[in-house]
Amino acid sequence: CGLTACYHPHHGTLVSTHAEIARVLQFSPIALCPDTGHILEARGDPVQLIREYQHRIRYIHLKDYRLPNGGPGEFVPLGQGDLDVPGILGVLHAAAYDGWITAELDSYAGPPKEAAETAMHYLSSLGR
């Protein structure tokens, strides 16, 4: 019982790329709390990272991100960006993951309630 320490990478911090995360996990027994939107923002592959470190994951922040197309990228409600949510859920299902998953959204200009409803509708449509 008690608390489990998890490394939670964010883009723009000291450790945010796949290689940097791998290095932390190589030299530390700390668990992992991947933030899928920040991994995608750092041009990583959240599905691959989760597949590779599934045994270290204790908690997940499921966050979507729209990659830049001539302008800045942005965090968007789940299902409206470039995140492969079905791929992530498939890896977690295959790994029999039974931990927490939090649907998150950073820096969104729209109404929070609308964003939450959009995310819930999208997740419900996936049948998981």
Protein backbone atom coordinates (compact mmCIF):
# COMPACT_ATOMS: atom_id res chain seq x y z
CA CYS A 1 0.00 0.00 0.00
CA GLY A 2 1.09 3.64 -0.11
CA LEU A 3 2.25 5.85 -2.94
CA THR A 4 4.14 4.80 -6.04
CA ALA A 5 6.57 7.31 -7.51
CA CYS A 6 6.19 7.69 -11.28
CA TYR A 7 8.18 9.66 -13.80
CA HIS A 8 5.81 11.92 -15.75
CA PRO A 9 7.49 13.43 -18.83
CA HIS A 10 6.39 16.75 -20.31
CA HIS A 11 7.66 18.28 -23.54
CA GLY A 12 10.05 21.15 -22.95
CA THR A 13 11.41 19.74 -19.70
CA LEU A 14 14.78 18.11 -19.04
CA VAL A 15 13.46 14.68 -20.08
CA SER A 16 10.77 14.49 -22.75
CA THR A 17 11.92 12.49 -25.80
CA HIS A 18 11.77 8.71 -26.11
CA ALA A 19 15.57 8.44 -25.79
CA GLU A 20 15.62 10.66 -22.69
CA ILE A 21 12.79 8.71 -21.07
CA ALA A 22 14.57 5.44 -21.88
CA ARG A 23 17.71 6.73 -20.17
CA VAL A 24 15.83 7.66 -16.98
CA LEU A 25 14.17 4.25 -16.88
CA GLN A 26 17.46 2.47 -17.62
CA PHE A 27 19.16 3.97 -14.59
CA SER A 28 16.23 4.17 -12.19
CA PRO A 29 13.61 1.76 -10.86
CA ILE A 30 10.96 4.53 -10.97
CA ALA A 31 7.60 3.67 -12.51
CA LEU A 32 6.25 5.56 -15.52
CA CYS A 33 3.20 7.78 -15.97
CA PRO A 34 3.25 8.57 -19.67
CA ASP A 35 1.55 11.77 -20.78
CA THR A 36 0.55 10.88 -24.32
CA GLY A 37 -0.01 14.45 -25.52
CA HIS A 38 3.40 15.63 -24.36
CA ILE A 39 5.09 12.56 -25.83
CA LEU A 40 3.41 13.29 -29.16
CA GLU A 41 4.30 16.99 -28.90
CA ALA A 42 7.96 15.94 -28.47
CA ARG A 43 7.52 13.96 -31.74
CA GLY A 44 7.55 10.63 -29.94
CA ASP A 45 5.34 7.62 -30.56
CA PRO A 46 3.14 7.11 -27.47
CA VAL A 47 1.99 3.67 -28.67
CA GLN A 48 5.58 2.44 -29.02
CA LEU A 49 6.66 3.96 -25.70
CA ILE A 50 3.71 2.37 -23.88
CA ARG A 51 4.37 -0.98 -25.58
CA GLU A 52 8.05 -0.86 -24.68
CA TYR A 53 7.55 0.14 -21.04
CA GLN A 54 4.16 -1.41 -20.27
CA HIS A 55 5.64 -3.27 -17.30
CA ARG A 56 6.71 0.08 -15.72
CA ILE A 57 3.41 1.96 -16.21
CA ARG A 58 1.31 2.57 -13.11
CA TYR A 59 -0.82 5.48 -14.31
CA ILE A 60 -1.51 7.18 -17.66
CA HIS A 61 -2.49 10.67 -18.73
CA LEU A 62 -4.39 10.21 -21.99
CA LYS A 63 -4.11 13.52 -23.81
CA ASP A 64 -4.50 14.36 -27.50
CA TYR A 65 -2.34 16.75 -29.51
CA ARG A 66 -2.66 18.11 -33.03
CA LEU A 67 0.76 18.26 -34.64
CA PRO A 68 1.67 21.55 -36.32
CA ASN A 69 0.77 21.99 -39.97
CA GLY A 70 2.46 25.26 -40.82
CA GLY A 71 1.60 26.77 -37.44
CA PRO A 72 1.89 25.84 -33.80
CA GLY A 73 0.63 22.51 -32.54
CA GLU A 74 -2.13 22.41 -29.95
CA PHE A 75 -3.72 20.25 -27.31
CA VAL A 76 -7.24 19.23 -28.34
CA PRO A 77 -10.04 17.05 -26.94
CA LEU A 78 -9.50 13.30 -27.34
CA GLY A 79 -10.21 12.14 -30.87
CA GLN A 80 -9.56 15.52 -32.49
CA GLY A 81 -5.77 15.32 -32.78
CA ASP A 82 -3.08 12.97 -33.99
CA LEU A 83 -2.99 10.61 -31.01
CA ASP A 84 -3.60 6.94 -31.86
CA VAL A 85 -6.01 6.34 -28.98
CA PRO A 86 -7.23 2.94 -30.28
CA GLY A 87 -3.59 1.84 -30.64
CA ILE A 88 -2.80 2.86 -27.07
CA LEU A 89 -5.90 1.17 -25.67
CA GLY A 90 -5.09 -1.95 -27.70
CA VAL A 91 -1.59 -2.18 -26.21
CA LEU A 92 -2.95 -1.65 -22.70
CA HIS A 93 -5.67 -4.27 -23.24
CA ALA A 94 -3.13 -6.81 -24.55
CA ALA A 95 -0.94 -6.11 -21.51
CA ALA A 96 -3.93 -6.59 -19.15
CA TYR A 97 -3.27 -3.11 -17.75
CA ASP A 98 -5.59 -2.47 -14.82
CA GLY A 99 -4.31 0.87 -13.55
CA TRP A 100 -5.74 4.35 -13.78
CA ILE A 101 -6.11 6.29 -17.02
CA THR A 102 -6.96 9.97 -16.78
CA ALA A 103 -8.34 11.82 -19.81
CA GLU A 104 -6.66 15.23 -19.78
CA LEU A 105 -6.53 18.41 -21.81
CA ASP A 106 -3.96 21.23 -21.52
CA SER A 107 -4.23 24.81 -22.72
CA TYR A 108 -7.54 24.52 -24.56
CA ALA A 109 -9.36 27.72 -25.52
CA GLY A 110 -12.81 26.16 -25.72
CA PRO A 111 -15.33 25.53 -22.93
CA PRO A 112 -14.02 22.86 -20.50
CA LYS A 113 -17.39 21.11 -20.18
CA GLU A 114 -17.68 20.81 -23.97
CA ALA A 115 -14.13 19.40 -24.19
CA ALA A 116 -14.90 16.83 -21.46
CA GLU A 117 -18.11 15.78 -23.20
CA THR A 118 -16.27 15.47 -26.53
CA ALA A 119 -13.63 13.26 -24.93
CA MET A 120 -16.19 11.05 -23.19
CA HIS A 121 -18.25 10.67 -26.38
CA TYR A 122 -15.12 9.74 -28.32
CA LEU A 123 -13.97 7.19 -25.73
CA SER A 124 -17.48 5.69 -25.58
CA SER A 125 -17.50 5.36 -29.37
CA LEU A 126 -14.42 3.13 -29.15
CA GLY A 127 -16.35 0.56 -27.13
CA ARG A 128 -13.74 0.16 -24.42
